[in-house]
C-alpha atoms as a PDB file:
ATOM      1  CA  MET A   1     -22.886 -27.103   5.029  1.00  0.00           C
ATOM      2  CA  PRO A   2     -26.085 -28.464   3.417  1.00  0.00           C
ATOM      3  CA  ASP A   3     -28.265 -30.177   6.019  1.00  0.00           C
ATOM      4  CA  SER A   4     -30.078 -32.514   3.612  1.00  0.00           C
ATOM      5  CA  ILE A   5     -29.833 -34.200   0.211  1.00  0.00           C
ATOM      6  CA  ASP A   6     -32.366 -31.722  -1.143  1.00  0.00           C
ATOM      7  CA  ALA A   7     -30.140 -28.896   0.058  1.00  0.00           C
ATOM      8  CA  VAL A   8     -27.199 -30.415  -1.846  1.00  0.00           C
ATOM      9  CA  GLU A   9     -29.308 -30.604  -5.018  1.00  0.00           C
ATOM     10  CA  THR A  10     -30.281 -26.964  -4.548  1.00  0.00           C
ATOM     11  CA  LEU A  11     -26.673 -25.930  -3.901  1.00  0.00           C
ATOM     12  CA  LEU A  12     -25.451 -27.672  -7.057  1.00  0.00           C
ATOM     13  CA  ALA A  13     -28.372 -26.403  -9.137  1.00  0.00           C
ATOM     14  CA  GLY A  14     -27.419 -22.889  -8.042  1.00  0.00           C
ATOM     15  CA  GLN A  15     -24.124 -23.441  -9.882  1.00  0.00           C
ATOM     16  CA  ASN A  16     -25.904 -24.838 -12.985  1.00  0.00           C
ATOM     17  CA  TYR A  17     -24.881 -28.394 -12.076  1.00  0.00           C
ATOM     18  CA  VAL A  18     -27.721 -30.861 -12.586  1.00  0.00           C
ATOM     19  CA  ALA A  19     -27.012 -33.856 -10.321  1.00  0.00           C
ATOM     20  CA  SER A  20     -28.806 -37.166 -10.039  1.00  0.00           C
ATOM     21  CA  ARG A  21     -30.332 -38.068  -6.672  1.00  0.00           C
ATOM     22  CA  ALA A  22     -27.662 -40.740  -6.158  1.00  0.00           C
ATOM     23  CA  LEU A  23     -24.836 -38.270  -6.770  1.00  0.00           C
ATOM     24  CA  ALA A  24     -26.417 -35.649  -4.503  1.00  0.00           C
ATOM     25  CA  THR A  25     -26.739 -38.307  -1.790  1.00  0.00           C
ATOM     26  CA  VAL A  26     -23.084 -39.332  -1.891  1.00  0.00           C
ATOM     27  CA  VAL A  27     -21.998 -35.667  -1.904  1.00  0.00           C
ATOM     28  CA  PHE A  28     -24.163 -35.011   1.154  1.00  0.00           C
ATOM     29  CA  LEU A  29     -22.648 -38.006   2.966  1.00  0.00           C
ATOM     30  CA  ALA A  30     -19.100 -36.967   2.070  1.00  0.00           C
ATOM     31  CA  LEU A  31     -19.725 -33.472   3.442  1.00  0.00           C
ATOM     32  CA  ARG A  32     -21.543 -34.690   6.544  1.00  0.00           C
ATOM     33  CA  LEU A  33     -19.039 -37.437   7.438  1.00  0.00           C
ATOM     34  CA  GLY A  34     -15.893 -35.611   6.340  1.00  0.00           C
ATOM     35  CA  ARG A  35     -14.909 -38.453   4.001  1.00  0.00           C
ATOM     36  CA  PRO A  36     -13.043 -38.071   0.687  1.00  0.00           C
ATOM     37  CA  LEU A  37     -15.275 -38.586  -2.344  1.00  0.00           C
ATOM     38  CA  PHE A  38     -13.963 -40.757  -5.182  1.00  0.00           C
ATOM     39  CA  LEU A  39     -15.693 -40.104  -8.516  1.00  0.00           C
ATOM     40  CA  GLU A  40     -15.023 -42.451 -11.397  1.00  0.00           C
ATOM     41  CA  GLY A  41     -16.403 -42.378 -14.927  1.00  0.00           C
ATOM     42  CA  GLU A  42     -15.733 -41.581 -18.561  1.00  0.00           C
ATOM     43  CA  ALA A  43     -14.068 -38.284 -19.456  1.00  0.00           C
ATOM     44  CA  GLY A  44     -16.435 -35.361 -19.845  1.00  0.00           C
ATOM     45  CA  VAL A  45     -19.299 -36.551 -17.624  1.00  0.00           C
ATOM     46  CA  GLY A  46     -18.914 -33.792 -15.017  1.00  0.00           C
ATOM     47  CA  LYS A  47     -16.577 -35.190 -12.355  1.00  0.00           C
ATOM     48  CA  THR A  48     -14.302 -32.145 -12.231  1.00  0.00           C
ATOM     49  CA  GLU A  49     -17.231 -29.736 -12.524  1.00  0.00           C
ATOM     50  CA  ILE A  50     -18.844 -31.044  -9.343  1.00  0.00           C
ATOM     51  CA  ALA A  51     -15.775 -30.035  -7.318  1.00  0.00           C
ATOM     52  CA  LYS A  52     -15.966 -26.545  -8.813  1.00  0.00           C
ATOM     53  CA  ALA A  53     -19.705 -26.358  -8.088  1.00  0.00           C
ATOM     54  CA  ILE A  54     -19.234 -27.433  -4.459  1.00  0.00           C
ATOM     55  CA  ALA A  55     -16.419 -24.939  -3.886  1.00  0.00           C
ATOM     56  CA  THR A  56     -18.359 -22.048  -5.397  1.00  0.00           C
ATOM     57  CA  GLY A  57     -21.612 -23.036  -3.702  1.00  0.00           C
ATOM     58  CA  LEU A  58     -19.977 -23.236  -0.273  1.00  0.00           C
ATOM     59  CA  GLY A  59     -17.801 -20.170  -0.799  1.00  0.00           C
ATOM     60  CA  ARG A  60     -14.618 -22.204  -0.325  1.00  0.00           C
ATOM     61  CA  ARG A  61     -11.296 -21.999  -2.095  1.00  0.00           C
ATOM     62  CA  LEU A  62     -10.777 -24.655  -4.763  1.00  0.00           C
ATOM     63  CA  ILE A  63      -7.273 -26.170  -4.757  1.00  0.00           C
ATOM     64  CA  ARG A  64      -6.637 -28.426  -7.744  1.00  0.00           C
ATOM     65  CA  LEU A  65      -3.913 -31.034  -8.068  1.00  0.00           C
ATOM     66  CA  GLN A  66      -3.822 -32.084 -11.707  1.00  0.00           C
ATOM     67  CA  CYS A  67      -2.295 -35.555 -11.834  1.00  0.00           C
ATOM     68  CA  TYR A  68       0.046 -36.788 -14.540  1.00  0.00           C
ATOM     69  CA  GLU A  69       2.482 -39.608 -15.137  1.00  0.00           C
ATOM     70  CA  GLY A  70       5.590 -39.188 -13.008  1.00  0.00           C
ATOM     71  CA  LEU A  71       3.962 -36.929 -10.405  1.00  0.00           C
ATOM     72  CA  ASP A  72       5.711 -37.374  -7.061  1.00  0.00           C
ATOM     73  CA  ALA A  73       5.282 -36.146  -3.508  1.00  0.00           C
ATOM     74  CA  ALA A  74       7.713 -33.237  -3.900  1.00  0.00           C
ATOM     75  CA  GLN A  75       5.756 -31.802  -6.835  1.00  0.00           C
ATOM     76  CA  ALA A  76       2.422 -32.334  -5.094  1.00  0.00           C
ATOM     77  CA  VAL A  77       3.384 -31.091  -1.606  1.00  0.00           C
ATOM     78  CA  TYR A  78       6.250 -28.592  -1.584  1.00  0.00           C
ATOM     79  CA  GLU A  79       9.679 -27.643  -2.841  1.00  0.00           C
ATOM     80  CA  TRP A  80      12.349 -25.287  -1.618  1.00  0.00           C
ATOM     81  CA  ASN A  81      12.945 -21.965  -3.342  1.00  0.00           C
ATOM     82  CA  PHE A  82      16.548 -22.705  -4.283  1.00  0.00           C
ATOM     83  CA  ALA A  83      17.033 -19.390  -6.090  1.00  0.00           C
ATOM     84  CA  ALA A  84      16.053 -17.406  -2.984  1.00  0.00           C
ATOM     85  CA  GLN A  85      18.186 -19.674  -0.803  1.00  0.00           C
ATOM     86  CA  MET A  86      21.249 -19.086  -3.022  1.00  0.00           C
ATOM     87  CA  ILE A  87      20.741 -15.318  -2.835  1.00  0.00           C
ATOM     88  CA  ALA A  88      20.552 -15.552   0.968  1.00  0.00           C
ATOM     89  CA  ILE A  89      23.771 -17.607   1.066  1.00  0.00           C
ATOM     90  CA  ARG A  90      25.666 -15.182  -1.166  1.00  0.00           C
ATOM     91  CA  THR A  91      24.386 -12.195   0.797  1.00  0.00           C
ATOM     92  CA  ALA A  92      25.552 -13.792   4.042  1.00  0.00           C
ATOM     93  CA  GLU A  93      28.954 -14.636   2.563  1.00  0.00           C
ATOM     94  CA  ALA A  94      29.378 -11.112   1.234  1.00  0.00           C
ATOM     95  CA  GLY A  95      28.645  -9.731   4.698  1.00  0.00           C
ATOM     96  CA  GLY A  96      31.359 -11.923   6.175  1.00  0.00           C
ATOM     97  CA  GLY A  97      31.371 -13.799   9.437  1.00  0.00           C
ATOM     98  CA  ALA A  98      28.193 -15.733   8.707  1.00  0.00           C
ATOM     99  CA  ASP A  99      27.328 -18.400  11.237  1.00  0.00           C
ATOM    100  CA  ARG A 100      26.945 -21.507   9.087  1.00  0.00           C
ATOM    101  CA  ASN A 101      24.656 -23.325  11.501  1.00  0.00           C
ATOM    102  CA  ALA A 102      22.406 -20.299  11.949  1.00  0.00           C
ATOM    103  CA  LEU A 103      22.338 -19.759   8.188  1.00  0.00           C
ATOM    104  CA  LYS A 104      21.455 -23.393   7.537  1.00  0.00           C
ATOM    105  CA  ALA A 105      18.619 -23.232  10.073  1.00  0.00           C
ATOM    106  CA  GLU A 106      17.315 -20.037   8.508  1.00  0.00           C
ATOM    107  CA  LEU A 107      17.411 -21.378   4.953  1.00  0.00           C
ATOM    108  CA  PHE A 108      15.024 -24.229   5.702  1.00  0.00           C
ATOM    109  CA  THR A 109      12.128 -22.247   7.125  1.00  0.00           C
ATOM    110  CA  GLU A 110       8.711 -21.491   5.723  1.00  0.00           C
ATOM    111  CA  GLN A 111      10.070 -18.246   4.318  1.00  0.00           C
ATOM    112  CA  TYR A 112      11.759 -20.293   1.564  1.00  0.00           C
ATOM    113  CA  LEU A 113       8.994 -22.867   1.135  1.00  0.00           C
ATOM    114  CA  ILE A 114       7.022 -23.073  -2.107  1.00  0.00           C
ATOM    115  CA  GLU A 115       3.705 -24.673  -1.254  1.00  0.00           C
ATOM    116  CA  ARG A 116       2.118 -27.069  -3.717  1.00  0.00           C
ATOM    117  CA  PRO A 117      -1.589 -28.125  -3.699  1.00  0.00           C
ATOM    118  CA  LEU A 118      -1.500 -30.785  -0.948  1.00  0.00           C
ATOM    119  CA  LEU A 119       0.324 -28.516   1.487  1.00  0.00           C
ATOM    120  CA  GLN A 120      -1.913 -25.556   0.581  1.00  0.00           C
ATOM    121  CA  ALA A 121      -4.959 -27.691   1.384  1.00  0.00           C
ATOM    122  CA  MET A 122      -3.628 -28.329   4.903  1.00  0.00           C
ATOM    123  CA  ARG A 123      -3.443 -24.604   5.664  1.00  0.00           C
ATOM    124  CA  PRO A 124      -6.306 -22.615   7.225  1.00  0.00           C
ATOM    125  CA  GLN A 125      -8.276 -20.762   4.557  1.00  0.00           C
ATOM    126  CA  PRO A 126     -10.640 -17.767   4.745  1.00  0.00           C
ATOM    127  CA  GLY A 127     -14.212 -19.020   4.757  1.00  0.00           C
ATOM    128  CA  GLY A 128     -13.378 -22.527   5.966  1.00  0.00           C
ATOM    129  CA  ALA A 129     -11.576 -25.636   4.798  1.00  0.00           C
ATOM    130  CA  PRO A 130     -10.860 -25.627   1.059  1.00  0.00           C
ATOM    131  CA  VAL A 131     -12.080 -28.081  -1.558  1.00  0.00           C
ATOM    132  CA  LEU A 132      -9.104 -30.197  -2.638  1.00  0.00           C
ATOM    133  CA  LEU A 133      -9.614 -31.631  -6.125  1.00  0.00           C
ATOM    134  CA  ILE A 134      -7.201 -34.452  -6.994  1.00  0.00           C
ATOM    135  CA  ASP A 135      -7.997 -34.721 -10.683  1.00  0.00           C
ATOM    136  CA  GLU A 136      -7.381 -37.774 -12.897  1.00  0.00           C
ATOM    137  CA  LEU A 137      -5.658 -39.838 -10.217  1.00  0.00           C
ATOM    138  CA  ASP A 138      -5.450 -42.781 -12.631  1.00  0.00           C
ATOM    139  CA  ARG A 139      -2.693 -40.938 -14.536  1.00  0.00           C
ATOM    140  CA  THR A 140      -0.268 -41.318 -11.620  1.00  0.00           C
ATOM    141  CA  ASP A 141       1.553 -44.455 -10.477  1.00  0.00           C
ATOM    142  CA  GLU A 142       1.255 -46.667  -7.388  1.00  0.00           C
ATOM    143  CA  PRO A 143       4.010 -45.020  -5.282  1.00  0.00           C
ATOM    144  CA  PHE A 144       2.140 -41.716  -5.423  1.00  0.00           C
ATOM    145  CA  GLU A 145      -1.091 -43.497  -4.508  1.00  0.00           C
ATOM    146  CA  ALA A 146       0.642 -44.941  -1.444  1.00  0.00           C
ATOM    147  CA  PHE A 147       1.845 -41.490  -0.401  1.00  0.00           C
ATOM    148  CA  LEU A 148      -1.628 -40.051  -0.929  1.00  0.00           C
ATOM    149  CA  LEU A 149      -3.104 -42.809   1.194  1.00  0.00           C
ATOM    150  CA  GLU A 150      -1.071 -41.634   4.190  1.00  0.00           C
ATOM    151  CA  ALA A 151      -1.744 -37.933   3.560  1.00  0.00           C
ATOM    152  CA  LEU A 152      -5.516 -38.425   3.351  1.00  0.00           C
ATOM    153  CA  SER A 153      -5.664 -40.776   6.323  1.00  0.00           C
ATOM    154  CA  GLU A 154      -4.204 -38.256   8.763  1.00  0.00           C
ATOM    155  CA  PHE A 155      -4.743 -35.053   6.784  1.00  0.00           C
ATOM    156  CA  GLN A 156      -1.157 -34.092   7.377  1.00  0.00           C
ATOM    157  CA  VAL A 157       2.102 -33.881   5.443  1.00  0.00           C
ATOM    158  CA  THR A 158       5.626 -34.033   6.809  1.00  0.00           C
ATOM    159  CA  ILE A 159       8.480 -31.790   5.715  1.00  0.00           C
ATOM    160  CA  PRO A 160      11.721 -33.292   7.091  1.00  0.00           C
ATOM    161  CA  GLU A 161      13.325 -29.916   7.824  1.00  0.00           C
ATOM    162  CA  ILE A 162      10.218 -28.503   9.542  1.00  0.00           C
ATOM    163  CA  GLY A 163       8.176 -31.471  10.773  1.00  0.00           C
ATOM    164  CA  PRO A 164       4.545 -32.500  10.356  1.00  0.00           C
ATOM    165  CA  ILE A 165       1.971 -29.955   9.192  1.00  0.00           C
ATOM    166  CA  ILE A 166      -1.523 -30.960  10.277  1.00  0.00           C
ATOM    167  CA  ALA A 167      -4.703 -29.499   8.835  1.00  0.00           C
ATOM    168  CA  PRO A 168      -6.617 -27.683  11.619  1.00  0.00           C
ATOM    169  CA  GLU A 169      -9.771 -28.495   9.651  1.00  0.00           C
ATOM    170  CA  PRO A 170      -9.653 -31.338   7.083  1.00  0.00           C
ATOM    171  CA  PRO A 171     -10.230 -30.176   3.499  1.00  0.00           C
ATOM    172  CA  ILE A 172     -13.178 -31.385   1.440  1.00  0.00           C
ATOM    173  CA  VAL A 173     -11.435 -33.932  -0.795  1.00  0.00           C
ATOM    174  CA  ILE A 174     -12.699 -35.001  -4.196  1.00  0.00           C
ATOM    175  CA  LEU A 175     -10.707 -37.476  -6.283  1.00  0.00           C
ATOM    176  CA  THR A 176     -11.536 -38.247  -9.909  1.00  0.00           C
ATOM    177  CA  SER A 177     -10.512 -41.033 -12.250  1.00  0.00           C
ATOM    178  CA  ASN A 178     -11.228 -41.728 -15.929  1.00  0.00           C
ATOM    179  CA  ARG A 179     -10.441 -45.376 -15.214  1.00  0.00           C
ATOM    180  CA  THR A 180      -7.541 -45.666 -17.643  1.00  0.00           C
ATOM    181  CA  ARG A 181      -6.192 -48.014 -14.963  1.00  0.00           C
ATOM    182  CA  GLU A 182      -7.526 -49.418 -11.695  1.00  0.00           C
ATOM    183  CA  VAL A 183      -6.861 -47.379  -8.568  1.00  0.00           C
ATOM    184  CA  HIS A 184      -5.752 -49.477  -5.582  1.00  0.00           C
ATOM    185  CA  ASP A 185      -8.494 -50.761  -3.270  1.00  0.00           C
ATOM    186  CA  ALA A 186      -6.729 -49.397  -0.172  1.00  0.00           C
ATOM    187  CA  LEU A 187      -7.292 -45.850  -1.398  1.00  0.00           C
ATOM    188  CA  LYS A 188     -10.862 -46.491  -2.510  1.00  0.00           C
ATOM    189  CA  ARG A 189     -11.754 -47.949   0.893  1.00  0.00           C
ATOM    190  CA  ARG A 190     -10.988 -44.635   2.553  1.00  0.00           C
ATOM    191  CA  CYS A 191     -13.396 -42.821   0.254  1.00  0.00           C
ATOM    192  CA  LEU A 192     -17.069 -42.763  -0.562  1.00  0.00           C
ATOM    193  CA  TYR A 193     -17.400 -44.000  -4.139  1.00  0.00           C
ATOM    194  CA  HIS A 194     -19.679 -43.028  -7.007  1.00  0.00           C
ATOM    195  CA  TRP A 195     -19.648 -43.966 -10.679  1.00  0.00           C
ATOM    196  CA  VAL A 196     -20.637 -40.917 -12.741  1.00  0.00           C
ATOM    197  CA  ASP A 197     -22.402 -42.314 -15.799  1.00  0.00           C
ATOM    198  CA  TYR A 198     -23.647 -40.673 -18.955  1.00  0.00           C
ATOM    199  CA  PRO A 199     -26.955 -38.958 -18.132  1.00  0.00           C
ATOM    200  CA  SER A 200     -30.366 -40.026 -19.375  1.00  0.00           C
ATOM    201  CA  PHE A 201     -31.949 -38.102 -22.238  1.00  0.00           C
ATOM    202  CA  ALA A 202     -34.143 -36.038 -19.895  1.00  0.00           C
ATOM    203  CA  ARG A 203     -31.270 -35.199 -17.545  1.00  0.00           C
ATOM    204  CA  GLU A 204     -28.951 -34.223 -20.397  1.00  0.00           C
ATOM    205  CA  ILE A 205     -31.672 -31.891 -21.692  1.00  0.00           C
ATOM    206  CA  GLU A 206     -31.754 -30.323 -18.206  1.00  0.00           C
ATOM    207  CA  ILE A 207     -27.968 -29.945 -18.214  1.00  0.00           C
ATOM    208  CA  LEU A 208     -27.993 -28.323 -21.646  1.00  0.00           C
ATOM    209  CA  ALA A 209     -30.788 -25.959 -20.584  1.00  0.00           C
ATOM    210  CA  ALA A 210     -28.651 -24.900 -17.602  1.00  0.00           C
ATOM    211  CA  ARG A 211     -25.375 -24.513 -19.525  1.00  0.00           C
ATOM    212  CA  ALA A 212     -26.646 -23.301 -22.917  1.00  0.00           C
ATOM    213  CA  PRO A 213     -30.002 -21.653 -22.158  1.00  0.00           C
ATOM    214  CA  GLU A 214     -30.035 -19.786 -25.486  1.00  0.00           C
ATOM    215  CA  ALA A 215     -30.623 -23.042 -27.394  1.00  0.00           C
ATOM    216  CA  THR A 216     -34.220 -23.658 -28.423  1.00  0.00           C
ATOM    217  CA  GLU A 217     -35.995 -26.722 -27.099  1.00  0.00           C
ATOM    218  CA  SER A 218     -36.142 -28.335 -30.557  1.00  0.00           C
ATOM    219  CA  LEU A 219     -32.414 -27.814 -31.200  1.00  0.00           C
ATOM    220  CA  SER A 220     -31.525 -29.062 -27.718  1.00  0.00           C
ATOM    221  CA  ARG A 221     -33.541 -32.219 -28.241  1.00  0.00           C
ATOM    222  CA  GLU A 222     -31.860 -32.901 -31.586  1.00  0.00           C
ATOM    223  CA  VAL A 223     -28.389 -32.234 -30.197  1.00  0.00           C
ATOM    224  CA  VAL A 224     -28.833 -34.454 -27.143  1.00  0.00           C
ATOM    225  CA  ALA A 225     -30.505 -37.254 -29.110  1.00  0.00           C
ATOM    226  CA  PHE A 226     -27.742 -37.189 -31.744  1.00  0.00           C
ATOM    227  CA  VAL A 227     -24.941 -37.242 -29.148  1.00  0.00           C
ATOM    228  CA  GLN A 228     -26.607 -40.059 -27.248  1.00  0.00           C
ATOM    229  CA  ARG A 229     -26.938 -41.988 -30.495  1.00  0.00           C
ATOM    230  CA  LEU A 230     -23.221 -41.423 -31.149  1.00  0.00           C
ATOM    231  CA  ARG A 231     -22.420 -43.022 -27.796  1.00  0.00           C
ATOM    232  CA  SER A 232     -23.950 -46.264 -29.033  1.00  0.00           C
ATOM    233  CA  GLU A 233     -21.611 -46.316 -32.031  1.00  0.00           C
ATOM    234  CA  ASP A 234     -18.253 -48.114 -32.070  1.00  0.00           C
ATOM    235  CA  LEU A 235     -16.057 -45.058 -31.455  1.00  0.00           C
ATOM    236  CA  PHE A 236     -12.581 -44.765 -29.992  1.00  0.00           C
ATOM    237  CA  LYS A 237     -13.714 -41.896 -27.721  1.00  0.00           C
ATOM    238  CA  LYS A 238     -17.409 -41.418 -27.040  1.00  0.00           C
ATOM    239  CA  PRO A 239     -18.527 -37.802 -26.544  1.00  0.00           C
ATOM    240  CA  GLY A 240     -19.247 -36.738 -22.978  1.00  0.00           C
ATOM    241  CA  VAL A 241     -21.624 -34.157 -21.599  1.00  0.00           C
ATOM    242  CA  ALA A 242     -18.910 -31.520 -21.971  1.00  0.00           C
ATOM    243  CA  GLU A 243     -18.894 -32.179 -25.721  1.00  0.00           C
ATOM    244  CA  THR A 244     -22.686 -31.914 -25.859  1.00  0.00           C
ATOM    245  CA  ILE A 245     -22.481 -28.448 -24.292  1.00  0.00           C
ATOM    246  CA  ASP A 246     -19.581 -27.381 -26.534  1.00  0.00           C
ATOM    247  CA  TRP A 247     -21.408 -28.534 -29.660  1.00  0.00           C
ATOM    248  CA  ALA A 248     -24.603 -26.701 -28.712  1.00  0.00           C
ATOM    249  CA  LYS A 249     -22.620 -23.495 -28.145  1.00  0.00           C
ATOM    250  CA  CYS A 250     -20.870 -23.919 -31.511  1.00  0.00           C
ATOM    251  CA  LEU A 251     -24.222 -24.360 -33.253  1.00  0.00           C
ATOM    252  CA  LEU A 252     -25.576 -21.259 -31.519  1.00  0.00           C
ATOM    253  CA  ALA A 253     -22.534 -19.280 -32.645  1.00  0.00           C
ATOM    254  CA  LEU A 254     -23.335 -20.337 -36.224  1.00  0.00           C
ATOM    255  CA  ASP A 255     -27.015 -19.372 -35.802  1.00  0.00           C
ATOM    256  CA  VAL A 256     -28.085 -22.953 -36.496  1.00  0.00           C
ATOM    257  CA  ILE A 257     -31.730 -23.648 -35.649  1.00  0.00           C
ATOM    258  CA  SER A 258     -31.865 -27.288 -36.792  1.00  0.00           C
ATOM    259  CA  LEU A 259     -29.363 -30.031 -37.500  1.00  0.00           C
ATOM    260  CA  SER A 260     -28.526 -31.057 -41.043  1.00  0.00           C
ATOM    261  CA  PRO A 261     -25.925 -33.475 -42.470  1.00  0.00           C
ATOM    262  CA  GLU A 262     -23.926 -30.488 -43.716  1.00  0.00           C
ATOM    263  CA  VAL A 263     -23.907 -28.734 -40.341  1.00  0.00           C
ATOM    264  CA  ILE A 264     -22.962 -31.981 -38.606  1.00  0.00           C
ATOM    265  CA  ALA A 265     -20.063 -32.544 -41.010  1.00  0.00           C
ATOM    266  CA  ASP A 266     -18.784 -28.992 -40.452  1.00  0.00           C
ATOM    267  CA  THR A 267     -18.914 -29.163 -36.643  1.00  0.00           C
ATOM    268  CA  LEU A 268     -18.005 -32.769 -35.832  1.00  0.00           C
ATOM    269  CA  GLY A 269     -14.725 -31.565 -34.327  1.00  0.00           C
ATOM    270  CA  ALA A 270     -16.692 -30.150 -31.388  1.00  0.00           C
ATOM    271  CA  ILE A 271     -17.911 -33.597 -30.310  1.00  0.00           C
ATOM    272  CA  LEU A 272     -15.393 -36.091 -31.732  1.00  0.00           C
ATOM    273  CA  LYS A 273     -11.685 -35.696 -31.039  1.00  0.00           C
ATOM    274  CA  TYR A 274     -10.149 -38.455 -33.180  1.00  0.00           C
ATOM    275  CA  GLN A 275      -9.908 -38.373 -36.966  1.00  0.00           C
ATOM    276  CA  ASP A 276     -10.860 -42.042 -37.290  1.00  0.00           C
ATOM    277  CA  ASP A 277     -14.102 -41.364 -35.385  1.00  0.00           C
ATOM    278  CA  ILE A 278     -14.847 -38.295 -37.525  1.00  0.00           C
ATOM    279  CA  GLN A 279     -14.312 -40.218 -40.758  1.00  0.00           C
ATOM    280  CA  LYS A 280     -16.594 -42.979 -39.524  1.00  0.00           C
ATOM    281  CA  ILE A 281     -19.477 -40.568 -38.896  1.00  0.00           C
ATOM    282  CA  GLN A 282     -19.115 -38.190 -41.850  1.00  0.00           C
ATOM    283  CA  GLY A 283     -21.284 -38.361 -44.967  1.00  0.00           C
ATOM    284  CA  SER A 284     -24.016 -40.954 -45.248  1.00  0.00           C
ATOM    285  CA  ALA A 285     -23.431 -42.231 -41.696  1.00  0.00           C
ATOM    286  CA  ALA A 286     -24.245 -38.794 -40.257  1.00  0.00           C
ATOM    287  CA  LYS A 287     -27.388 -38.545 -42.406  1.00  0.00           C
ATOM    288  CA  LYS A 288     -28.556 -41.993 -41.304  1.00  0.00           C
ATOM    289  CA  LEU A 289     -27.995 -41.160 -37.626  1.00  0.00           C
ATOM    290  CA  LEU A 290     -29.863 -37.881 -38.019  1.00  0.00           C
ATOM    291  CA  ASP A 291     -32.773 -39.618 -39.766  1.00  0.00           C
ATOM    292  CA  ASP A 292     -32.937 -42.168 -36.939  1.00  0.00           C
ATOM    293  CA  VAL A 293     -32.870 -39.392 -34.355  1.00  0.00           C
ATOM    294  CA  ARG A 294     -35.709 -37.514 -36.025  1.00  0.00           C
ATOM    295  CA  ARG A 295     -37.819 -40.656 -36.208  1.00  0.00           C
ATOM    296  CA  GLU A 296     -37.275 -41.219 -32.477  1.00  0.00           C
ATOM    297  CA  LEU A 297     -38.169 -37.600 -31.666  1.00  0.00           C
ATOM    298  CA  ALA A 298     -41.188 -37.447 -33.983  1.00  0.00           C
ATOM    299  CA  PRO A 299     -43.804 -38.743 -31.476  1.00  0.00           C
ATOM    300  CA  ALA A 300     -42.757 -36.063 -28.988  1.00  0.00           C
END
């Protein structure tokens, strides 16, 4: 485990993740204190990526629970392999003289258990406790939140037919939310909290240099300045850092060395994901934004 905030910054930088000092601090505290880390922010600002960077940097297994509407405890923890159980029943019946009680006891053992992410995270893993990423928690509903509250408080899950399964070493838990709805305070109180904001111009340049090193400095500056200018526009979905990186890679694939209104119009789908937003920026609007960006960059 990193023994300082600087060590966390170095660990993340080793995975091409450029973290602010505040984010590195809260990650260090979460690792040191064994507390879940709750990351909230707009989509595409790097919340999921930090879990991947921590897992890779520490050499731990990453277990991801992708949340969605209607997710329940059975889908997140375990389910029984009914097909294998039916085969076992028919095999026993074909053999004749099967002891029903013995068969029933055998059917509900770990041999027939299909482990889902939460149960997997409670198991011992090679290299140490895994990183459990509970991604986009805001997509679930309150009953699942309540279940998760209990699971993360004790780091255990209970299977009625088997009993409680307790993690010998608590996993490193990272929860993310795009804030499409408010997550209950009771869950947040059990976590360390950090709002992951859009990066500053200088930090986004650093991120782009780490993730798309082939881009020239002049192109990177234009790309970042243009995307940051877009975020100030009245758009349905503002582009995140992920879109900045995707756009830069698209421009590199097209051998673009400098932005132009034509190039922007042809590649807007890499940074804007709604047709209404694309229509709003195309044509003269794109040219005006680019002119403004170049005026801002001119002194540098």
